[in-house]
């Protein structure tokens, strides 16, 4: 079966930056809905017409991937607003920002704790791959028709590089 809109592809990949440093390797196939919210549009375009076993190499500029780095999404907040066990690299939902943080901080993004100082915490609302050109080597492991549920949800359950809290214990602010 060839990849078209409204089908599910199982992919593996190697993701590198333009210097060749590996950023992510997906060895076990993960299913994504083509024509939904799971994949970046540029990846969906490149997959069209391919079938199981195909290998696709892509170069993604920031505007085709996770956008340019936006310094307006950096916020310096009082350390006292956050739990004592907060650590650099933790992520949390903007909807769960503690009382007292900058009211201009968007509530519809995920924040990463970028730096911790004795009196302040730096929150970064950019995607971790924002501003980075990417090289992606995709391998199509299988292709199948999407179920009605998957089409209705716009997802096969996995999004391309959705930022998730690193471990259940690190999700302090939900």
C-alpha atoms as a PDB file:
ATOM      1  CA  UNK A   1       0.000   0.000   0.000  1.00  0.00           C
ATOM      2  CA  UNK A   2       1.248   3.457  -0.899  1.00  0.00           C
ATOM      3  CA  UNK A   3       1.202   6.343   1.560  1.00  0.00           C
ATOM      4  CA  UNK A   4      -1.689   8.721   0.950  1.00  0.00           C
ATOM      5  CA  UNK A   5      -3.790  11.031   3.130  1.00  0.00           C
ATOM      6  CA  UNK A   6      -5.590   9.287   5.990  1.00  0.00           C
ATOM      7  CA  UNK A   7      -3.331   6.268   6.365  1.00  0.00           C
ATOM      8  CA  UNK A   8      -1.123   5.157   9.236  1.00  0.00           C
ATOM      9  CA  UNK A   9       2.611   4.717   8.715  1.00  0.00           C
ATOM     10  CA  UNK A  10       4.991   2.972  11.082  1.00  0.00           C
ATOM     11  CA  UNK A  11       8.328   4.787  10.963  1.00  0.00           C
ATOM     12  CA  UNK A  12      11.833   4.481  12.298  1.00  0.00           C
ATOM     13  CA  UNK A  13      14.316   7.327  11.949  1.00  0.00           C
ATOM     14  CA  UNK A  14      17.617   8.920  12.719  1.00  0.00           C
ATOM     15  CA  UNK A  15      17.459  12.652  13.410  1.00  0.00           C
ATOM     16  CA  UNK A  16      20.643  14.727  13.240  1.00  0.00           C
ATOM     17  CA  UNK A  17      21.519  18.388  13.253  1.00  0.00           C
ATOM     18  CA  UNK A  18      23.410  19.857  10.294  1.00  0.00           C
ATOM     19  CA  UNK A  19      26.745  19.094  11.992  1.00  0.00           C
ATOM     20  CA  UNK A  20      25.832  15.401  11.970  1.00  0.00           C
ATOM     21  CA  UNK A  21      25.228  15.092  15.723  1.00  0.00           C
ATOM     22  CA  UNK A  22      22.472  12.579  16.515  1.00  0.00           C
ATOM     23  CA  UNK A  23      19.527  14.209  18.272  1.00  0.00           C
ATOM     24  CA  UNK A  24      17.149  11.260  18.273  1.00  0.00           C
ATOM     25  CA  UNK A  25      17.080   7.657  17.079  1.00  0.00           C
ATOM     26  CA  UNK A  26      13.840   5.731  16.805  1.00  0.00           C
ATOM     27  CA  UNK A  27      14.734   2.031  16.457  1.00  0.00           C
ATOM     28  CA  UNK A  28      11.318   0.552  17.172  1.00  0.00           C
ATOM     29  CA  UNK A  29       8.594   1.519  14.672  1.00  0.00           C
ATOM     30  CA  UNK A  30       6.079   4.100  15.866  1.00  0.00           C
ATOM     31  CA  UNK A  31       2.743   4.693  14.119  1.00  0.00           C
ATOM     32  CA  UNK A  32       1.725   8.137  12.862  1.00  0.00           C
ATOM     33  CA  UNK A  33      -1.436   9.266  11.076  1.00  0.00           C
ATOM     34  CA  UNK A  34      -0.714  10.880   7.714  1.00  0.00           C
ATOM     35  CA  UNK A  35      -3.219  13.681   7.131  1.00  0.00           C
ATOM     36  CA  UNK A  36      -3.690  14.349  10.847  1.00  0.00           C
ATOM     37  CA  UNK A  37      -1.747  16.185  13.525  1.00  0.00           C
ATOM     38  CA  UNK A  38       1.016  13.616  14.059  1.00  0.00           C
ATOM     39  CA  UNK A  39       3.641  14.660  11.499  1.00  0.00           C
ATOM     40  CA  UNK A  40       5.111  17.914  10.274  1.00  0.00           C
ATOM     41  CA  UNK A  41       3.630  18.895   6.868  1.00  0.00           C
ATOM     42  CA  UNK A  42       7.042  18.689   5.174  1.00  0.00           C
ATOM     43  CA  UNK A  43       7.475  15.080   6.380  1.00  0.00           C
ATOM     44  CA  UNK A  44       3.994  14.133   5.145  1.00  0.00           C
ATOM     45  CA  UNK A  45       4.784  15.602   1.710  1.00  0.00           C
ATOM     46  CA  UNK A  46       8.019  13.616   1.472  1.00  0.00           C
ATOM     47  CA  UNK A  47       6.294  10.348   2.407  1.00  0.00           C
ATOM     48  CA  UNK A  48       3.506  10.591  -0.206  1.00  0.00           C
ATOM     49  CA  UNK A  49       3.577   7.748  -2.709  1.00  0.00           C
ATOM     50  CA  UNK A  50       6.131   5.647  -0.807  1.00  0.00           C
ATOM     51  CA  UNK A  51       5.425   2.213   0.604  1.00  0.00           C
ATOM     52  CA  UNK A  52       6.810  -0.171   3.207  1.00  0.00           C
ATOM     53  CA  UNK A  53      10.574  -0.479   2.997  1.00  0.00           C
ATOM     54  CA  UNK A  54      11.082   3.007   1.550  1.00  0.00           C
ATOM     55  CA  UNK A  55      13.855   5.171   2.931  1.00  0.00           C
ATOM     56  CA  UNK A  56      13.465   8.952   2.754  1.00  0.00           C
ATOM     57  CA  UNK A  57      16.140  11.533   3.563  1.00  0.00           C
ATOM     58  CA  UNK A  58      14.950  15.037   4.457  1.00  0.00           C
ATOM     59  CA  UNK A  59      16.587  18.339   5.294  1.00  0.00           C
ATOM     60  CA  UNK A  60      14.268  20.525   7.369  1.00  0.00           C
ATOM     61  CA  UNK A  61      14.949  24.217   7.878  1.00  0.00           C
ATOM     62  CA  UNK A  62      13.589  25.648  11.154  1.00  0.00           C
ATOM     63  CA  UNK A  63      10.526  27.104   9.392  1.00  0.00           C
ATOM     64  CA  UNK A  64       9.632  23.576   8.160  1.00  0.00           C
ATOM     65  CA  UNK A  65      10.246  22.033  11.565  1.00  0.00           C
ATOM     66  CA  UNK A  66       9.858  23.763  14.933  1.00  0.00           C
ATOM     67  CA  UNK A  67      10.261  27.403  13.956  1.00  0.00           C
ATOM     68  CA  UNK A  68      12.917  29.941  14.782  1.00  0.00           C
ATOM     69  CA  UNK A  69      14.045  30.490  18.355  1.00  0.00           C
ATOM     70  CA  UNK A  70      11.860  33.189  19.910  1.00  0.00           C
ATOM     71  CA  UNK A  71      13.505  35.108  22.751  1.00  0.00           C
ATOM     72  CA  UNK A  72      10.045  36.452  23.652  1.00  0.00           C
ATOM     73  CA  UNK A  73       9.350  32.967  25.060  1.00  0.00           C
ATOM     74  CA  UNK A  74      12.125  33.268  27.682  1.00  0.00           C
ATOM     75  CA  UNK A  75      10.932  34.298  31.133  1.00  0.00           C
ATOM     76  CA  UNK A  76      12.921  35.101  34.282  1.00  0.00           C
ATOM     77  CA  UNK A  77      10.719  34.193  37.241  1.00  0.00           C
ATOM     78  CA  UNK A  78      11.193  34.312  41.032  1.00  0.00           C
ATOM     79  CA  UNK A  79      12.687  31.049  42.336  1.00  0.00           C
ATOM     80  CA  UNK A  80      10.307  31.186  45.316  1.00  0.00           C
ATOM     81  CA  UNK A  81       7.294  30.468  43.069  1.00  0.00           C
ATOM     82  CA  UNK A  82       8.582  26.966  42.249  1.00  0.00           C
ATOM     83  CA  UNK A  83       8.920  23.786  44.317  1.00  0.00           C
ATOM     84  CA  UNK A  84      12.360  23.241  45.919  1.00  0.00           C
ATOM     85  CA  UNK A  85      12.922  20.018  43.949  1.00  0.00           C
ATOM     86  CA  UNK A  86      12.688  21.714  40.532  1.00  0.00           C
ATOM     87  CA  UNK A  87      15.648  20.863  38.262  1.00  0.00           C
ATOM     88  CA  UNK A  88      17.062  22.159  34.968  1.00  0.00           C
ATOM     89  CA  UNK A  89      15.576  20.293  32.009  1.00  0.00           C
ATOM     90  CA  UNK A  90      12.193  19.635  33.632  1.00  0.00           C
ATOM     91  CA  UNK A  91       9.191  20.456  31.487  1.00  0.00           C
ATOM     92  CA  UNK A  92       5.691  21.504  32.416  1.00  0.00           C
ATOM     93  CA  UNK A  93       2.540  22.771  30.806  1.00  0.00           C
ATOM     94  CA  UNK A  94       2.024  26.529  30.548  1.00  0.00           C
ATOM     95  CA  UNK A  95      -1.511  26.029  31.862  1.00  0.00           C
ATOM     96  CA  UNK A  96       0.087  24.909  35.146  1.00  0.00           C
ATOM     97  CA  UNK A  97       2.345  27.929  35.667  1.00  0.00           C
ATOM     98  CA  UNK A  98       2.325  28.907  39.352  1.00  0.00           C
ATOM     99  CA  UNK A  99       0.486  32.005  40.608  1.00  0.00           C
ATOM    100  CA  UNK A 100       2.609  35.100  40.297  1.00  0.00           C
ATOM    101  CA  UNK A 101       4.549  34.356  37.117  1.00  0.00           C
ATOM    102  CA  UNK A 102       4.607  36.848  34.277  1.00  0.00           C
ATOM    103  CA  UNK A 103       1.019  37.234  32.985  1.00  0.00           C
ATOM    104  CA  UNK A 104       2.442  37.627  29.453  1.00  0.00           C
ATOM    105  CA  UNK A 105       3.793  34.057  29.478  1.00  0.00           C
ATOM    106  CA  UNK A 106       1.614  32.093  27.025  1.00  0.00           C
ATOM    107  CA  UNK A 107      -0.338  29.323  28.709  1.00  0.00           C
ATOM    108  CA  UNK A 108      -0.601  27.135  25.598  1.00  0.00           C
ATOM    109  CA  UNK A 109       3.057  26.037  25.356  1.00  0.00           C
ATOM    110  CA  UNK A 110       5.286  23.637  27.260  1.00  0.00           C
ATOM    111  CA  UNK A 111       8.076  25.231  29.270  1.00  0.00           C
ATOM    112  CA  UNK A 112      11.518  23.853  29.982  1.00  0.00           C
ATOM    113  CA  UNK A 113      13.430  24.965  33.049  1.00  0.00           C
ATOM    114  CA  UNK A 114      16.497  26.302  31.234  1.00  0.00           C
ATOM    115  CA  UNK A 115      18.501  27.602  34.203  1.00  0.00           C
ATOM    116  CA  UNK A 116      18.129  27.878  37.958  1.00  0.00           C
ATOM    117  CA  UNK A 117      19.732  30.683  39.972  1.00  0.00           C
ATOM    118  CA  UNK A 118      19.486  31.276  43.739  1.00  0.00           C
ATOM    119  CA  UNK A 119      16.762  33.912  43.265  1.00  0.00           C
ATOM    120  CA  UNK A 120      15.397  33.181  39.757  1.00  0.00           C
ATOM    121  CA  UNK A 121      14.369  30.455  37.334  1.00  0.00           C
ATOM    122  CA  UNK A 122      14.659  30.843  33.545  1.00  0.00           C
ATOM    123  CA  UNK A 123      11.689  29.322  31.712  1.00  0.00           C
ATOM    124  CA  UNK A 124      11.950  28.609  27.989  1.00  0.00           C
ATOM    125  CA  UNK A 125       8.712  28.185  26.022  1.00  0.00           C
ATOM    126  CA  UNK A 126      10.493  27.317  22.767  1.00  0.00           C
ATOM    127  CA  UNK A 127      10.421  23.768  21.450  1.00  0.00           C
ATOM    128  CA  UNK A 128      13.832  22.203  22.264  1.00  0.00           C
ATOM    129  CA  UNK A 129      14.533  21.922  18.517  1.00  0.00           C
ATOM    130  CA  UNK A 130      13.437  25.494  17.649  1.00  0.00           C
ATOM    131  CA  UNK A 131      15.949  27.341  15.506  1.00  0.00           C
ATOM    132  CA  UNK A 132      17.724  24.151  14.431  1.00  0.00           C
ATOM    133  CA  UNK A 133      17.953  22.849  10.871  1.00  0.00           C
ATOM    134  CA  UNK A 134      17.428  19.087  10.932  1.00  0.00           C
ATOM    135  CA  UNK A 135      18.459  16.102   8.846  1.00  0.00           C
ATOM    136  CA  UNK A 136      16.007  13.240   9.070  1.00  0.00           C
ATOM    137  CA  UNK A 137      16.509   9.744   7.681  1.00  0.00           C
ATOM    138  CA  UNK A 138      13.089   8.020   7.716  1.00  0.00           C
ATOM    139  CA  UNK A 139      12.390   4.361   7.027  1.00  0.00           C
ATOM    140  CA  UNK A 140       8.809   3.269   6.352  1.00  0.00           C
ATOM    141  CA  UNK A 141       8.271  -0.010   8.199  1.00  0.00           C
ATOM    142  CA  UNK A 142       4.600  -0.484   7.295  1.00  0.00           C
ATOM    143  CA  UNK A 143       1.549   1.302   5.909  1.00  0.00           C
ATOM    144  CA  UNK A 144      -2.092   0.574   6.733  1.00  0.00           C
ATOM    145  CA  UNK A 145      -5.483   2.216   6.387  1.00  0.00           C
ATOM    146  CA  UNK A 146      -6.402   4.497   9.271  1.00  0.00           C
ATOM    147  CA  UNK A 147      -9.320   3.539  11.499  1.00  0.00           C
ATOM    148  CA  UNK A 148     -12.329   5.840  11.842  1.00  0.00           C
ATOM    149  CA  UNK A 149     -11.245   6.607  15.424  1.00  0.00           C
ATOM    150  CA  UNK A 150      -7.760   7.640  14.322  1.00  0.00           C
ATOM    151  CA  UNK A 151      -9.177   9.874  11.580  1.00  0.00           C
ATOM    152  CA  UNK A 152     -11.653  11.404  14.044  1.00  0.00           C
ATOM    153  CA  UNK A 153      -8.902  12.104  16.585  1.00  0.00           C
ATOM    154  CA  UNK A 154      -6.472  13.314  13.920  1.00  0.00           C
ATOM    155  CA  UNK A 155      -3.837  11.059  15.454  1.00  0.00           C
ATOM    156  CA  UNK A 156      -2.576   7.510  15.728  1.00  0.00           C
ATOM    157  CA  UNK A 157      -1.602   8.430  19.274  1.00  0.00           C
ATOM    158  CA  UNK A 158       1.934   9.713  18.744  1.00  0.00           C
ATOM    159  CA  UNK A 159       3.023  13.128  17.584  1.00  0.00           C
ATOM    160  CA  UNK A 160       6.337  13.922  15.953  1.00  0.00           C
ATOM    161  CA  UNK A 161       8.535  15.200  18.765  1.00  0.00           C
ATOM    162  CA  UNK A 162       5.847  16.324  21.091  1.00  0.00           C
ATOM    163  CA  UNK A 163       7.679  17.485  24.178  1.00  0.00           C
ATOM    164  CA  UNK A 164       6.713  15.344  27.131  1.00  0.00           C
ATOM    165  CA  UNK A 165       7.749  15.534  30.780  1.00  0.00           C
ATOM    166  CA  UNK A 166      10.874  13.399  31.144  1.00  0.00           C
ATOM    167  CA  UNK A 167       9.628  11.075  33.877  1.00  0.00           C
ATOM    168  CA  UNK A 168       6.464  10.837  35.982  1.00  0.00           C
ATOM    169  CA  UNK A 169       8.337  12.101  39.042  1.00  0.00           C
ATOM    170  CA  UNK A 170       9.555  15.195  37.193  1.00  0.00           C
ATOM    171  CA  UNK A 171       6.092  16.480  36.416  1.00  0.00           C
ATOM    172  CA  UNK A 172       5.936  18.756  39.462  1.00  0.00           C
ATOM    173  CA  UNK A 173       3.640  21.480  38.270  1.00  0.00           C
ATOM    174  CA  UNK A 174       0.693  19.542  36.854  1.00  0.00           C
END
